[in-house]
N, C-alpha and C. Protein backbone atom coordinates (compact mmCIF):
# COMPACT_ATOMS: atom_id res chain seq x y z
N MET A 1 60.12 109.29 126.41
CA MET A 1 61.23 108.72 125.68
C MET A 1 62.28 108.25 126.68
N ASP A 2 62.75 107.05 126.48
CA ASP A 2 63.78 106.47 127.33
C ASP A 2 65.12 107.13 127.04
N ILE A 3 65.87 107.45 128.09
CA ILE A 3 67.14 108.17 127.95
C ILE A 3 68.14 107.38 127.10
N LYS A 4 68.06 106.05 127.13
CA LYS A 4 68.96 105.24 126.33
C LYS A 4 68.73 105.47 124.85
N ASN A 5 67.51 105.78 124.46
CA ASN A 5 67.23 106.04 123.06
C ASN A 5 67.93 107.29 122.56
N VAL A 6 68.02 108.32 123.38
CA VAL A 6 68.71 109.54 122.97
C VAL A 6 70.18 109.24 122.72
N TYR A 7 70.80 108.47 123.59
CA TYR A 7 72.19 108.09 123.38
C TYR A 7 72.35 107.27 122.11
N LYS A 8 71.42 106.35 121.88
CA LYS A 8 71.49 105.50 120.70
C LYS A 8 71.32 106.32 119.42
N ILE A 9 70.41 107.28 119.45
CA ILE A 9 70.20 108.15 118.30
C ILE A 9 71.49 108.90 117.98
N ALA A 10 72.09 109.52 118.98
CA ALA A 10 73.32 110.28 118.77
C ALA A 10 74.47 109.38 118.34
N GLN A 11 74.56 108.20 118.93
CA GLN A 11 75.63 107.27 118.59
C GLN A 11 75.56 106.86 117.12
N ARG A 12 74.38 106.50 116.66
CA ARG A 12 74.23 106.07 115.27
C ARG A 12 74.47 107.23 114.31
N ALA A 13 73.98 108.40 114.66
CA ALA A 13 74.18 109.57 113.80
C ALA A 13 75.66 109.93 113.71
N MET A 14 76.38 109.82 114.84
CA MET A 14 77.81 110.09 114.83
C MET A 14 78.56 109.07 113.97
N GLY A 15 78.14 107.82 114.06
CA GLY A 15 78.76 106.78 113.23
C GLY A 15 78.54 107.04 111.74
N ALA A 16 77.34 107.48 111.39
CA ALA A 16 77.04 107.79 109.99
C ALA A 16 77.89 108.96 109.49
N GLN A 17 78.05 109.98 110.33
CA GLN A 17 78.86 111.13 109.93
C GLN A 17 80.35 110.75 109.82
N LEU A 18 80.78 109.81 110.64
CA LEU A 18 82.16 109.34 110.56
C LEU A 18 82.40 108.63 109.22
N VAL A 19 81.44 107.82 108.80
CA VAL A 19 81.54 107.16 107.49
C VAL A 19 81.59 108.21 106.39
N ARG A 20 80.75 109.22 106.52
CA ARG A 20 80.72 110.31 105.54
C ARG A 20 82.07 111.03 105.49
N LEU A 21 82.65 111.32 106.65
CA LEU A 21 83.96 111.98 106.70
C LEU A 21 85.05 111.12 106.09
N ASN A 22 84.99 109.82 106.30
CA ASN A 22 85.98 108.91 105.70
C ASN A 22 85.87 108.89 104.18
N ALA A 23 84.64 108.91 103.66
CA ALA A 23 84.43 108.96 102.22
C ALA A 23 84.99 110.26 101.64
N ILE A 24 84.75 111.36 102.33
CA ILE A 24 85.26 112.66 101.89
C ILE A 24 86.79 112.64 101.89
N ALA A 25 87.38 112.08 102.93
CA ALA A 25 88.84 112.00 103.02
C ALA A 25 89.41 111.19 101.85
N SER A 26 88.74 110.10 101.51
CA SER A 26 89.17 109.28 100.38
C SER A 26 89.09 110.07 99.07
N ASN A 27 88.00 110.80 98.90
CA ASN A 27 87.84 111.60 97.68
C ASN A 27 88.91 112.68 97.59
N LEU A 28 89.17 113.37 98.69
CA LEU A 28 90.19 114.42 98.68
C LEU A 28 91.58 113.86 98.44
N ALA A 29 91.86 112.70 99.02
CA ALA A 29 93.17 112.08 98.85
C ALA A 29 93.41 111.66 97.40
N ASN A 30 92.33 111.36 96.69
CA ASN A 30 92.46 110.90 95.30
C ASN A 30 92.08 111.96 94.27
N ALA A 31 91.88 113.18 94.71
CA ALA A 31 91.41 114.24 93.80
C ALA A 31 92.36 114.51 92.64
N ASP A 32 93.64 114.35 92.85
CA ASP A 32 94.61 114.65 91.80
C ASP A 32 95.08 113.41 91.04
N ASN A 33 94.46 112.28 91.30
CA ASN A 33 94.87 111.06 90.60
C ASN A 33 94.54 111.15 89.12
N ILE A 34 95.43 110.55 88.32
CA ILE A 34 95.19 110.48 86.89
C ILE A 34 95.35 109.04 86.44
N ALA A 35 94.75 108.75 85.29
CA ALA A 35 94.83 107.40 84.75
C ALA A 35 95.03 107.48 83.24
N GLN A 36 95.42 106.36 82.67
CA GLN A 36 95.67 106.30 81.24
C GLN A 36 94.39 106.02 80.45
N ASN A 37 93.37 105.50 81.15
CA ASN A 37 92.10 105.24 80.47
C ASN A 37 90.95 105.53 81.43
N PRO A 38 89.75 105.77 80.90
CA PRO A 38 88.63 106.16 81.76
C PRO A 38 88.23 105.09 82.78
N GLN A 39 88.44 103.83 82.47
CA GLN A 39 88.06 102.75 83.37
C GLN A 39 88.91 102.72 84.64
N ASP A 40 90.16 103.16 84.54
CA ASP A 40 91.07 103.13 85.68
C ASP A 40 91.04 104.41 86.52
N ALA A 41 90.33 105.42 86.06
CA ALA A 41 90.28 106.69 86.80
C ALA A 41 89.51 106.51 88.10
N TYR A 42 89.95 107.22 89.13
CA TYR A 42 89.29 107.15 90.44
C TYR A 42 87.86 107.67 90.32
N LYS A 43 86.93 106.96 90.93
CA LYS A 43 85.53 107.39 91.00
C LYS A 43 85.24 107.83 92.44
N PRO A 44 84.71 109.02 92.63
CA PRO A 44 84.39 109.48 93.99
C PRO A 44 83.37 108.56 94.66
N VAL A 45 83.44 108.50 95.98
CA VAL A 45 82.51 107.65 96.74
C VAL A 45 81.62 108.52 97.63
N LYS A 46 80.43 108.03 97.87
CA LYS A 46 79.46 108.71 98.75
C LYS A 46 78.75 107.65 99.57
N PRO A 47 78.51 107.94 100.85
CA PRO A 47 77.75 106.99 101.67
C PRO A 47 76.27 107.05 101.33
N VAL A 48 75.61 105.91 101.53
CA VAL A 48 74.17 105.84 101.37
C VAL A 48 73.58 105.72 102.77
N PHE A 49 72.71 106.68 103.11
CA PHE A 49 72.10 106.71 104.43
C PHE A 49 70.70 106.11 104.40
N GLU A 50 70.32 105.56 105.55
CA GLU A 50 68.99 104.98 105.69
C GLU A 50 68.43 105.38 107.05
N THR A 51 67.19 105.83 107.06
CA THR A 51 66.54 106.21 108.31
C THR A 51 66.19 104.95 109.09
N LYS A 52 66.52 104.95 110.37
CA LYS A 52 66.20 103.83 111.26
C LYS A 52 65.24 104.32 112.33
N TYR A 53 64.10 103.66 112.44
CA TYR A 53 63.12 104.02 113.46
C TYR A 53 63.23 103.05 114.62
N PHE A 54 62.94 103.54 115.83
CA PHE A 54 62.89 102.66 116.98
C PHE A 54 61.55 101.94 116.96
N ASP A 55 61.56 100.65 117.19
CA ASP A 55 60.40 99.77 116.99
C ASP A 55 59.08 100.33 117.53
N LEU A 56 58.99 100.53 118.82
CA LEU A 56 57.72 100.89 119.42
C LEU A 56 57.41 102.38 119.28
N ILE A 57 58.37 103.14 118.81
CA ILE A 57 58.19 104.58 118.81
C ILE A 57 58.02 105.12 117.39
N ARG A 58 57.90 104.24 116.43
CA ARG A 58 57.83 104.66 115.02
C ARG A 58 56.72 105.68 114.78
N LYS A 59 55.60 105.51 115.47
CA LYS A 59 54.47 106.42 115.28
C LYS A 59 54.79 107.84 115.72
N ARG A 60 55.73 108.00 116.64
CA ARG A 60 56.09 109.32 117.15
C ARG A 60 57.21 109.97 116.34
N GLY A 61 57.79 109.24 115.41
CA GLY A 61 58.80 109.81 114.53
C GLY A 61 60.20 109.86 115.09
N ILE A 62 60.47 109.12 116.16
CA ILE A 62 61.82 109.12 116.73
C ILE A 62 62.67 108.18 115.89
N SER A 63 63.70 108.74 115.29
CA SER A 63 64.52 107.96 114.38
C SER A 63 65.96 108.45 114.41
N THR A 64 66.79 107.70 113.74
CA THR A 64 68.19 108.07 113.56
C THR A 64 68.58 107.66 112.16
N VAL A 65 69.84 107.70 111.87
CA VAL A 65 70.30 107.37 110.53
C VAL A 65 71.49 106.43 110.62
N ASP A 66 71.60 105.55 109.65
CA ASP A 66 72.75 104.65 109.53
C ASP A 66 73.33 104.82 108.14
N ALA A 67 74.63 104.73 108.02
CA ALA A 67 75.28 104.66 106.72
C ALA A 67 75.32 103.17 106.37
N VAL A 68 74.50 102.76 105.41
CA VAL A 68 74.37 101.34 105.11
C VAL A 68 75.42 100.84 104.13
N THR A 69 75.91 101.72 103.28
CA THR A 69 76.96 101.34 102.33
C THR A 69 77.64 102.59 101.80
N VAL A 70 78.77 102.37 101.16
CA VAL A 70 79.48 103.45 100.48
C VAL A 70 79.59 103.02 99.02
N GLU A 71 79.08 103.86 98.13
CA GLU A 71 79.04 103.50 96.71
C GLU A 71 79.87 104.45 95.87
N LYS A 72 80.43 103.89 94.79
CA LYS A 72 81.15 104.72 93.82
C LYS A 72 80.11 105.48 93.00
N MET A 73 80.38 106.75 92.77
CA MET A 73 79.47 107.57 91.97
C MET A 73 79.71 107.31 90.49
N ASP A 74 78.65 107.37 89.73
CA ASP A 74 78.74 107.14 88.29
C ASP A 74 79.00 108.46 87.58
N ILE A 75 80.23 108.94 87.68
CA ILE A 75 80.64 110.20 87.07
C ILE A 75 81.80 109.91 86.13
N GLU A 76 81.71 110.47 84.95
CA GLU A 76 82.79 110.30 83.97
C GLU A 76 84.04 111.05 84.42
N PRO A 77 85.21 110.47 84.20
CA PRO A 77 86.45 111.18 84.54
C PRO A 77 86.64 112.40 83.65
N ILE A 78 87.49 113.29 84.09
CA ILE A 78 87.77 114.51 83.33
C ILE A 78 88.86 114.20 82.31
N LYS A 79 88.52 114.37 81.05
CA LYS A 79 89.44 114.07 79.95
C LYS A 79 90.25 115.32 79.64
N VAL A 80 91.59 115.21 79.75
CA VAL A 80 92.47 116.35 79.55
C VAL A 80 93.50 116.01 78.47
N PHE A 81 93.66 116.89 77.52
CA PHE A 81 94.63 116.68 76.44
C PHE A 81 96.01 117.08 76.92
N LYS A 82 96.90 116.09 77.09
CA LYS A 82 98.29 116.31 77.52
C LYS A 82 99.18 115.33 76.74
N PRO A 83 99.46 115.62 75.50
CA PRO A 83 100.18 114.65 74.67
C PRO A 83 101.59 114.28 75.16
N GLY A 84 102.25 115.15 75.89
CA GLY A 84 103.60 114.85 76.36
C GLY A 84 103.65 114.13 77.70
N HIS A 85 102.51 113.92 78.32
CA HIS A 85 102.46 113.30 79.65
C HIS A 85 102.75 111.80 79.52
N PRO A 86 103.54 111.25 80.45
CA PRO A 86 103.86 109.82 80.38
C PRO A 86 102.64 108.90 80.54
N MET A 87 101.57 109.40 81.13
CA MET A 87 100.36 108.57 81.31
C MET A 87 99.35 108.77 80.17
N ALA A 88 99.67 109.60 79.19
CA ALA A 88 98.73 109.89 78.10
C ALA A 88 98.48 108.64 77.26
N ASP A 89 97.22 108.53 76.81
CA ASP A 89 96.88 107.40 75.94
C ASP A 89 97.37 107.68 74.52
N ASN A 90 97.01 106.83 73.57
CA ASN A 90 97.49 106.97 72.18
C ASN A 90 97.03 108.26 71.54
N GLU A 91 95.92 108.83 72.01
CA GLU A 91 95.40 110.07 71.45
C GLU A 91 95.91 111.30 72.21
N GLY A 92 96.71 111.10 73.27
CA GLY A 92 97.29 112.20 74.02
C GLY A 92 96.45 112.67 75.20
N PHE A 93 95.48 111.87 75.62
CA PHE A 93 94.61 112.27 76.73
C PHE A 93 94.98 111.54 78.02
N ILE A 94 94.83 112.26 79.14
CA ILE A 94 94.88 111.63 80.46
C ILE A 94 93.49 111.80 81.07
N TYR A 95 93.19 111.01 82.08
CA TYR A 95 91.86 111.02 82.70
C TYR A 95 92.01 111.31 84.19
N LYS A 96 91.47 112.46 84.58
CA LYS A 96 91.59 112.91 85.97
C LYS A 96 90.36 112.48 86.77
N ALA A 97 90.56 112.29 88.05
CA ALA A 97 89.45 111.94 88.95
C ALA A 97 88.44 113.08 88.97
N PRO A 98 87.15 112.78 88.84
CA PRO A 98 86.12 113.83 88.82
C PRO A 98 85.70 114.26 90.22
N VAL A 99 86.65 114.74 90.99
CA VAL A 99 86.39 115.14 92.36
C VAL A 99 86.38 116.67 92.42
N ASP A 100 85.27 117.23 92.87
CA ASP A 100 85.15 118.67 93.06
C ASP A 100 85.62 118.97 94.48
N VAL A 101 86.84 119.48 94.60
CA VAL A 101 87.48 119.68 95.90
C VAL A 101 86.67 120.64 96.77
N GLU A 102 86.16 121.72 96.18
CA GLU A 102 85.38 122.69 96.95
C GLU A 102 84.11 122.04 97.51
N GLU A 103 83.45 121.25 96.69
CA GLU A 103 82.25 120.55 97.14
C GLU A 103 82.56 119.58 98.27
N GLU A 104 83.69 118.92 98.17
CA GLU A 104 84.10 117.98 99.22
C GLU A 104 84.38 118.73 100.53
N TYR A 105 85.00 119.91 100.44
CA TYR A 105 85.27 120.69 101.64
C TYR A 105 83.97 121.16 102.31
N VAL A 106 83.00 121.57 101.50
CA VAL A 106 81.70 121.97 102.05
C VAL A 106 81.03 120.78 102.72
N ASP A 107 81.08 119.62 102.07
CA ASP A 107 80.53 118.39 102.65
C ASP A 107 81.22 118.05 103.97
N MET A 108 82.55 118.22 103.98
CA MET A 108 83.32 117.92 105.18
C MET A 108 82.92 118.84 106.33
N LEU A 109 82.75 120.10 106.03
CA LEU A 109 82.33 121.07 107.04
C LEU A 109 80.96 120.71 107.60
N GLU A 110 80.03 120.37 106.72
CA GLU A 110 78.69 120.00 107.16
C GLU A 110 78.71 118.72 108.00
N ALA A 111 79.46 117.72 107.56
CA ALA A 111 79.54 116.45 108.30
C ALA A 111 80.16 116.66 109.68
N SER A 112 81.21 117.47 109.74
CA SER A 112 81.85 117.70 111.05
C SER A 112 80.92 118.49 111.98
N ARG A 113 80.12 119.40 111.43
CA ARG A 113 79.15 120.12 112.26
C ARG A 113 78.05 119.19 112.75
N GLN A 114 77.59 118.30 111.90
CA GLN A 114 76.58 117.33 112.31
C GLN A 114 77.13 116.43 113.43
N TYR A 115 78.37 116.01 113.27
CA TYR A 115 79.02 115.19 114.29
C TYR A 115 79.09 115.96 115.61
N GLN A 116 79.54 117.22 115.53
CA GLN A 116 79.65 118.05 116.73
C GLN A 116 78.30 118.28 117.39
N ASN A 117 77.25 118.45 116.60
CA ASN A 117 75.90 118.61 117.15
C ASN A 117 75.51 117.41 118.00
N ASN A 118 75.85 116.23 117.54
CA ASN A 118 75.53 115.02 118.30
C ASN A 118 76.38 114.89 119.56
N VAL A 119 77.62 115.36 119.50
CA VAL A 119 78.45 115.40 120.70
C VAL A 119 77.80 116.33 121.73
N GLU A 120 77.29 117.46 121.28
CA GLU A 120 76.61 118.41 122.17
C GLU A 120 75.36 117.79 122.79
N VAL A 121 74.63 117.00 122.02
CA VAL A 121 73.44 116.32 122.56
C VAL A 121 73.84 115.42 123.72
N ILE A 122 74.87 114.62 123.51
CA ILE A 122 75.33 113.70 124.56
C ILE A 122 75.83 114.47 125.78
N THR A 123 76.58 115.53 125.54
CA THR A 123 77.10 116.34 126.64
C THR A 123 75.96 116.97 127.45
N THR A 124 74.96 117.49 126.76
CA THR A 124 73.82 118.12 127.44
C THR A 124 73.03 117.09 128.24
N ILE A 125 72.77 115.93 127.67
CA ILE A 125 72.03 114.87 128.38
C ILE A 125 72.79 114.46 129.63
N LYS A 126 74.10 114.30 129.50
CA LYS A 126 74.93 113.91 130.65
C LYS A 126 74.85 114.97 131.75
N ALA A 127 74.95 116.24 131.37
CA ALA A 127 74.89 117.33 132.35
C ALA A 127 73.53 117.37 133.04
N LEU A 128 72.46 117.17 132.28
CA LEU A 128 71.12 117.17 132.86
C LEU A 128 70.92 115.99 133.80
N MET A 129 71.46 114.85 133.44
CA MET A 129 71.34 113.67 134.32
C MET A 129 72.09 113.91 135.63
N LEU A 130 73.27 114.53 135.55
CA LEU A 130 74.04 114.81 136.76
C LEU A 130 73.32 115.82 137.66
N LYS A 131 72.72 116.84 137.06
CA LYS A 131 71.96 117.83 137.82
C LYS A 131 70.75 117.18 138.47
N THR A 132 70.08 116.30 137.75
CA THR A 132 68.92 115.60 138.30
C THR A 132 69.33 114.70 139.47
N ALA A 133 70.44 114.03 139.34
CA ALA A 133 70.93 113.14 140.39
C ALA A 133 71.32 113.94 141.64
N ASN A 134 71.79 115.16 141.46
CA ASN A 134 72.21 115.99 142.59
C ASN A 134 71.06 116.76 143.24
N MET A 135 69.89 116.72 142.66
CA MET A 135 68.75 117.46 143.22
C MET A 135 68.34 116.91 144.60
N GLY A 136 68.47 115.65 144.77
CA GLY A 136 68.04 115.03 146.04
C GLY A 136 69.05 115.19 147.16
N LYS A 137 70.20 115.74 146.89
CA LYS A 137 71.24 115.86 147.92
C LYS A 137 71.10 117.11 148.72
């Protein structure tokens, strides 16, 4: 395996986790949003990942991942009866963003660990290359 491929694998994986972290941040920032109707309520977003194989190495299974898009999830908003609220509709309901904060925190923790794992890969490769270069001295 060419050393450049290891860097490329880690780079793409880190980029995908960064997209994932940005989506989580957006969801958390909008978790308490409310709307007057279900159509205007915030919809959580999630990245869509795709496995990318290196051309000549596909048979060996060397691959990485790319975040190809970020899509709104098809989840109904949370309907809450609050007749005195200024944003309530004619029936007295407000519509809250269907964001599960605990789930988002778990996702954030996993994404940051995945990102850190790839940082460790790059750090280890760099250290090994430096040790290899110093062997001849």
